[in-house]
N, C-alpha and C. Protein backbone atom coordinates (compact mmCIF):
# COMPACT_ATOMS: atom_id res chain seq x y z
N MET A 1 -61.29 76.27 66.99
CA MET A 1 -60.91 75.54 68.41
C MET A 1 -61.34 74.23 68.40
N PHE A 2 -60.54 73.42 69.09
CA PHE A 2 -61.05 71.97 69.21
C PHE A 2 -61.10 71.50 70.48
N GLU A 3 -61.69 70.31 70.69
CA GLU A 3 -62.20 69.91 72.07
C GLU A 3 -61.11 68.82 72.52
N LEU A 4 -60.66 69.06 73.64
CA LEU A 4 -59.70 67.93 74.19
C LEU A 4 -60.50 66.94 75.04
N THR A 5 -59.98 65.74 74.96
CA THR A 5 -60.74 64.71 75.90
C THR A 5 -59.54 64.25 76.78
N TYR A 6 -59.95 63.89 78.00
CA TYR A 6 -59.00 63.42 79.00
C TYR A 6 -59.38 62.09 79.60
N SER A 7 -58.49 61.34 80.10
CA SER A 7 -58.74 60.30 80.84
C SER A 7 -58.00 60.42 82.32
N ARG A 8 -58.70 59.70 83.29
CA ARG A 8 -58.16 59.95 84.67
C ARG A 8 -57.31 58.75 84.95
N VAL A 9 -55.96 59.09 85.38
CA VAL A 9 -55.16 58.08 85.89
C VAL A 9 -54.61 58.26 87.24
N GLY A 10 -55.13 57.59 88.17
CA GLY A 10 -54.99 57.92 89.58
C GLY A 10 -55.51 59.31 89.96
N ASP A 11 -54.67 60.19 90.34
CA ASP A 11 -55.19 61.61 90.79
C ASP A 11 -55.08 62.46 89.55
N TYR A 12 -54.50 62.15 88.40
CA TYR A 12 -54.19 63.02 87.34
C TYR A 12 -55.18 62.75 86.04
N TRP A 13 -55.41 63.88 85.41
CA TRP A 13 -56.12 63.91 84.10
C TRP A 13 -55.25 64.08 83.04
N ILE A 14 -55.10 62.95 82.21
CA ILE A 14 -54.17 63.08 81.05
C ILE A 14 -55.04 63.32 79.78
N PRO A 15 -54.55 64.18 78.95
CA PRO A 15 -55.29 64.68 77.64
C PRO A 15 -54.87 63.53 76.60
N TYR A 16 -55.83 63.26 75.73
CA TYR A 16 -55.53 62.43 74.60
C TYR A 16 -55.11 63.44 73.48
N LEU A 17 -53.79 63.21 73.16
CA LEU A 17 -53.29 64.05 72.07
C LEU A 17 -52.71 63.25 70.97
N THR A 18 -53.03 63.73 69.77
CA THR A 18 -52.68 62.91 68.46
C THR A 18 -51.97 63.96 67.44
N LEU A 19 -50.96 63.45 66.74
CA LEU A 19 -50.49 64.24 65.81
C LEU A 19 -51.20 64.09 64.49
N PRO A 20 -51.27 65.11 63.70
CA PRO A 20 -51.81 64.90 62.32
C PRO A 20 -51.00 64.04 61.52
N GLU A 21 -51.62 63.29 60.52
CA GLU A 21 -51.09 62.45 59.62
C GLU A 21 -50.19 63.11 58.69
N GLU A 22 -49.04 62.52 58.43
CA GLU A 22 -48.01 63.26 57.48
C GLU A 22 -48.06 62.49 55.98
N ASP A 23 -47.89 63.18 54.90
CA ASP A 23 -47.78 62.57 53.82
C ASP A 23 -46.50 61.76 53.65
N GLU A 24 -46.72 60.44 53.13
CA GLU A 24 -45.40 59.73 53.08
C GLU A 24 -44.35 60.18 52.17
N HIS A 25 -44.74 60.79 51.19
CA HIS A 25 -43.82 61.33 50.18
C HIS A 25 -43.08 62.45 50.89
N ASP A 26 -43.72 63.25 51.62
CA ASP A 26 -43.05 64.36 52.25
C ASP A 26 -42.02 63.74 53.38
N VAL A 27 -42.36 62.80 54.05
CA VAL A 27 -41.51 62.01 55.12
C VAL A 27 -40.33 61.57 54.24
N GLU A 28 -40.61 60.96 53.11
CA GLU A 28 -39.36 60.30 52.36
C GLU A 28 -38.30 61.61 51.92
N LEU A 29 -38.97 62.54 51.45
CA LEU A 29 -38.15 63.75 51.02
C LEU A 29 -37.39 64.44 52.24
N ALA A 30 -38.02 64.46 53.29
CA ALA A 30 -37.45 65.08 54.51
C ALA A 30 -36.20 64.21 55.04
N CYS A 31 -36.07 63.03 54.61
CA CYS A 31 -35.11 62.32 55.10
C CYS A 31 -33.77 62.19 54.18
N ARG A 32 -33.96 62.87 53.09
CA ARG A 32 -32.73 62.87 52.07
C ARG A 32 -31.62 63.94 52.53
N LYS A 33 -30.54 63.84 51.80
CA LYS A 33 -29.28 64.41 52.24
C LYS A 33 -29.42 65.95 52.54
N PHE A 34 -29.99 66.76 51.50
CA PHE A 34 -29.97 68.26 51.81
C PHE A 34 -31.07 68.55 52.89
N ALA A 35 -32.11 67.97 52.94
CA ALA A 35 -33.16 68.21 54.03
C ALA A 35 -32.50 67.96 55.40
N VAL A 36 -31.72 66.91 55.58
CA VAL A 36 -31.18 66.40 56.82
C VAL A 36 -30.09 67.50 57.16
N LYS A 37 -29.36 68.03 56.27
CA LYS A 37 -28.45 69.02 56.44
C LYS A 37 -29.03 70.22 56.89
N ARG A 38 -30.22 70.68 56.34
CA ARG A 38 -30.93 71.91 56.60
C ARG A 38 -31.66 71.75 58.14
N ARG A 39 -32.11 70.56 58.30
CA ARG A 39 -32.73 70.38 59.57
C ARG A 39 -31.49 70.50 60.63
N ARG A 40 -30.50 69.96 60.57
CA ARG A 40 -29.46 69.92 61.57
C ARG A 40 -28.96 71.61 61.66
N TYR A 41 -28.90 72.26 60.50
CA TYR A 41 -28.44 73.70 60.67
C TYR A 41 -29.58 74.46 61.35
N ILE A 42 -30.85 74.43 61.11
CA ILE A 42 -31.75 75.31 61.72
C ILE A 42 -31.90 74.67 63.23
N LYS A 43 -31.59 73.44 63.36
CA LYS A 43 -31.90 73.01 64.80
C LYS A 43 -30.65 73.66 65.69
N ASN A 44 -29.58 73.76 65.20
CA ASN A 44 -28.30 74.27 65.75
C ASN A 44 -28.17 75.72 65.90
N THR A 45 -28.68 76.42 64.88
CA THR A 45 -28.46 77.87 64.83
C THR A 45 -29.82 78.75 64.70
N LYS A 46 -30.92 78.13 64.41
CA LYS A 46 -32.09 78.90 64.38
C LYS A 46 -33.14 78.19 65.18
N SER A 47 -32.94 78.15 66.46
CA SER A 47 -33.77 77.33 67.39
C SER A 47 -35.24 77.76 67.36
N PHE A 48 -35.40 79.15 67.09
CA PHE A 48 -36.80 79.65 67.21
C PHE A 48 -37.59 79.03 65.96
N LEU A 49 -36.99 79.12 64.92
CA LEU A 49 -37.61 78.52 63.60
C LEU A 49 -37.70 77.08 63.83
N PHE A 50 -36.83 76.39 64.19
CA PHE A 50 -36.90 74.95 64.39
C PHE A 50 -38.00 74.65 65.31
N THR A 51 -38.20 75.32 66.53
CA THR A 51 -39.17 74.98 67.47
C THR A 51 -40.64 75.35 66.86
N LYS A 52 -40.63 76.43 66.22
CA LYS A 52 -41.90 76.75 65.63
C LYS A 52 -42.36 75.84 64.58
N LEU A 53 -41.68 75.35 63.62
CA LEU A 53 -42.00 74.40 62.63
C LEU A 53 -42.19 73.11 63.38
N LEU A 54 -41.60 72.68 64.24
CA LEU A 54 -41.75 71.40 65.00
C LEU A 54 -43.16 71.40 65.83
N THR A 55 -43.49 72.46 66.49
CA THR A 55 -44.71 72.55 67.37
C THR A 55 -45.86 72.76 66.58
N THR A 56 -45.88 73.34 65.31
CA THR A 56 -46.94 73.35 64.53
C THR A 56 -47.03 72.33 63.57
N CYS A 57 -46.16 71.22 63.61
CA CYS A 57 -46.21 70.09 62.77
C CYS A 57 -46.02 70.42 61.30
N LYS A 58 -45.19 71.48 61.04
CA LYS A 58 -44.90 71.93 59.69
C LYS A 58 -43.35 71.51 59.31
N LEU A 59 -42.61 70.92 60.13
CA LEU A 59 -41.30 70.69 59.89
C LEU A 59 -41.03 69.69 58.81
N THR A 60 -41.63 68.73 58.68
CA THR A 60 -41.59 67.68 57.61
C THR A 60 -41.92 68.19 56.25
N GLU A 61 -42.98 69.11 56.14
CA GLU A 61 -43.53 69.71 54.98
C GLU A 61 -42.49 70.73 54.50
N TYR A 62 -41.87 71.46 55.50
CA TYR A 62 -40.87 72.52 55.27
C TYR A 62 -39.43 71.85 54.58
N LEU A 63 -39.17 70.73 55.31
CA LEU A 63 -37.94 70.16 54.85
C LEU A 63 -38.13 69.40 53.43
N ALA A 64 -39.35 68.87 53.27
CA ALA A 64 -39.71 68.31 51.92
C ALA A 64 -39.52 69.17 50.72
N ASN A 65 -40.17 70.54 51.02
CA ASN A 65 -40.08 71.63 50.01
C ASN A 65 -38.65 72.13 49.93
N PHE A 66 -37.93 72.07 51.06
CA PHE A 66 -36.54 72.53 50.87
C PHE A 66 -35.72 71.53 50.03
N GLU A 67 -35.92 70.14 50.32
CA GLU A 67 -35.30 69.14 49.46
C GLU A 67 -35.41 69.26 48.01
N LEU A 68 -36.72 69.62 47.57
CA LEU A 68 -36.87 69.73 46.17
C LEU A 68 -36.34 70.89 45.62
N LYS A 69 -36.29 71.88 46.44
CA LYS A 69 -35.68 73.14 45.88
C LYS A 69 -34.13 72.97 45.73
N ALA A 70 -33.54 72.35 46.92
CA ALA A 70 -32.13 72.06 46.90
C ALA A 70 -31.75 71.17 45.74
N GLU A 71 -32.42 70.09 45.44
CA GLU A 71 -32.15 69.09 44.41
C GLU A 71 -32.07 69.80 43.06
N LYS A 72 -33.03 70.69 42.94
CA LYS A 72 -33.29 71.45 41.63
C LYS A 72 -31.97 72.32 41.49
N ARG A 73 -31.68 73.12 42.51
CA ARG A 73 -30.52 73.99 42.50
C ARG A 73 -29.08 73.15 42.35
N TYR A 74 -28.91 71.98 42.96
CA TYR A 74 -27.82 71.17 42.88
C TYR A 74 -27.55 70.82 41.38
N GLY A 75 -28.66 70.42 40.67
CA GLY A 75 -28.61 69.92 39.32
C GLY A 75 -28.14 71.31 38.52
N GLU A 76 -28.68 72.32 38.68
CA GLU A 76 -28.19 73.60 37.95
C GLU A 76 -26.87 74.00 38.23
N LEU A 77 -26.37 73.78 39.41
CA LEU A 77 -24.91 73.97 39.69
C LEU A 77 -24.08 73.07 38.92
N VAL A 78 -24.37 71.78 39.00
CA VAL A 78 -23.64 70.76 38.42
C VAL A 78 -23.46 71.10 37.00
N GLY A 79 -24.64 71.34 36.23
CA GLY A 79 -24.58 71.74 34.86
C GLY A 79 -23.77 73.05 34.50
N GLN A 80 -23.76 73.92 35.43
CA GLN A 80 -23.15 75.22 35.21
C GLN A 80 -21.55 74.93 35.29
N LEU A 81 -21.11 74.19 36.46
CA LEU A 81 -19.85 73.94 36.57
C LEU A 81 -19.20 72.99 35.57
N MET A 82 -20.02 71.99 35.06
CA MET A 82 -19.58 71.17 33.85
C MET A 82 -19.30 72.15 32.69
N ALA A 83 -20.24 72.92 32.35
CA ALA A 83 -20.05 73.89 31.13
C ALA A 83 -18.75 74.71 31.46
N GLU A 84 -18.59 75.28 32.58
CA GLU A 84 -17.36 75.88 32.96
C GLU A 84 -16.05 75.31 32.56
N GLN A 85 -16.08 73.87 32.89
CA GLN A 85 -14.88 73.22 32.74
C GLN A 85 -14.90 72.45 31.39
N GLY A 86 -15.88 72.59 30.61
CA GLY A 86 -15.68 72.07 29.37
C GLY A 86 -16.32 70.56 29.31
N LEU A 87 -16.93 70.14 30.19
CA LEU A 87 -17.25 68.63 30.47
C LEU A 87 -18.59 68.32 29.80
N THR A 88 -18.81 67.37 29.25
CA THR A 88 -19.95 66.83 28.65
C THR A 88 -20.53 65.66 29.42
N ASN A 89 -21.71 65.00 29.22
CA ASN A 89 -22.21 63.92 29.97
C ASN A 89 -21.72 62.79 29.58
N THR A 90 -20.84 62.66 28.52
CA THR A 90 -19.99 61.29 28.22
C THR A 90 -18.49 61.68 28.42
N HIS A 91 -17.80 60.79 28.68
CA HIS A 91 -16.36 61.02 28.88
C HIS A 91 -15.69 60.96 27.55
N SER A 92 -14.72 61.82 27.31
CA SER A 92 -13.94 62.03 26.08
C SER A 92 -12.71 60.89 25.97
N GLY A 93 -11.96 61.35 25.04
CA GLY A 93 -10.75 60.36 24.93
C GLY A 93 -9.58 60.51 26.02
N GLU A 94 -9.90 61.34 27.00
CA GLU A 94 -8.96 61.60 28.01
C GLU A 94 -8.80 60.31 28.96
N GLY A 95 -9.75 59.44 28.84
CA GLY A 95 -10.00 58.39 29.87
C GLY A 95 -11.04 58.46 30.89
N TYR A 96 -11.44 57.25 31.24
CA TYR A 96 -12.63 57.28 32.12
C TYR A 96 -12.25 57.74 33.57
N GLY A 97 -11.11 57.33 34.02
CA GLY A 97 -10.63 57.89 35.22
C GLY A 97 -10.30 59.28 35.32
N TRP A 98 -9.98 59.93 34.36
CA TRP A 98 -9.82 61.39 34.36
C TRP A 98 -11.26 62.05 34.54
N TYR A 99 -12.25 61.55 33.65
CA TYR A 99 -13.62 61.85 33.76
C TYR A 99 -14.27 61.81 35.09
N VAL A 100 -14.19 60.73 35.67
CA VAL A 100 -14.45 60.49 37.06
C VAL A 100 -14.12 61.50 38.09
N ARG A 101 -12.84 61.59 37.97
CA ARG A 101 -12.06 62.61 38.85
C ARG A 101 -12.70 64.04 38.89
N LYS A 102 -12.85 64.40 37.56
CA LYS A 102 -13.45 65.64 37.22
C LYS A 102 -14.88 65.89 37.74
N MET A 103 -15.64 64.84 37.62
CA MET A 103 -17.01 64.86 38.04
C MET A 103 -17.15 64.77 39.47
N TYR A 104 -16.26 64.15 40.14
CA TYR A 104 -16.29 64.13 41.52
C TYR A 104 -15.92 65.52 42.02
N GLY A 105 -15.05 66.21 41.47
CA GLY A 105 -14.65 67.66 41.77
C GLY A 105 -15.84 68.51 41.48
N VAL A 106 -16.47 68.39 40.49
CA VAL A 106 -17.73 69.14 40.04
C VAL A 106 -18.92 69.07 41.12
N ALA A 107 -19.09 67.77 41.52
CA ALA A 107 -20.00 67.43 42.46
C ALA A 107 -19.79 68.00 43.92
N ALA A 108 -18.33 67.97 44.35
CA ALA A 108 -18.06 68.42 45.49
C ALA A 108 -18.19 69.96 45.66
N GLU A 109 -17.80 70.55 44.52
CA GLU A 109 -17.85 71.96 44.39
C GLU A 109 -19.37 72.46 44.33
N ALA A 110 -20.19 71.88 43.71
CA ALA A 110 -21.55 72.09 43.68
C ALA A 110 -22.28 72.05 45.05
N GLU A 111 -21.85 70.91 45.67
CA GLU A 111 -22.51 70.73 47.11
C GLU A 111 -21.86 71.84 48.01
N ARG A 112 -20.58 72.33 48.00
CA ARG A 112 -20.14 73.25 48.76
C ARG A 112 -20.80 74.63 48.37
N ARG A 113 -21.01 75.00 47.14
CA ARG A 113 -21.90 76.08 46.94
C ARG A 113 -23.33 76.09 47.45
N LEU A 114 -23.86 74.93 47.09
CA LEU A 114 -25.22 74.80 47.80
C LEU A 114 -25.23 75.02 49.18
N ASP A 115 -24.37 74.48 49.90
CA ASP A 115 -24.27 74.65 51.51
C ASP A 115 -24.25 76.05 51.71
N ALA A 116 -23.40 76.88 50.98
CA ALA A 116 -23.28 78.36 51.31
C ALA A 116 -24.58 79.06 50.83
N GLN A 117 -25.17 78.79 49.63
CA GLN A 117 -26.22 79.55 49.12
C GLN A 117 -27.66 79.32 49.87
N LEU A 118 -27.81 77.91 50.09
CA LEU A 118 -29.21 77.47 50.66
C LEU A 118 -29.20 77.03 51.93
N ILE A 119 -28.35 75.98 52.24
CA ILE A 119 -28.59 75.31 53.51
C ILE A 119 -28.28 76.13 54.68
N CYS A 120 -27.22 76.98 54.64
CA CYS A 120 -26.69 77.97 55.54
C CYS A 120 -27.26 79.25 55.37
N ALA A 121 -28.19 79.55 54.73
CA ALA A 121 -28.73 80.89 54.39
C ALA A 121 -30.07 81.15 55.14
């Protein structure tokens, strides 16, 4: 249990409330693409979870951990899709434009699958 201190303002007693310090690395991770998508999803569809994480000051840590997990899974999905389509990390004789179009398609498909598997799960 902790002790609250108050100050009197007119006829009211106002508590001194402070939030715990957050790790700057966690804050940075929580602002990245997949964490922002997850935050929006749980805020709009899982309000109880969002409120619980927010009121216990665990939302930033949760989103940072989620971002790390999502980035790892995204990399795995991109590698898997590249292998399925026979792409390598360097473009072949087909031309650079062809390679870029294929990689954009791979990235979009990986993100779509990640949305279904992790973000909206």
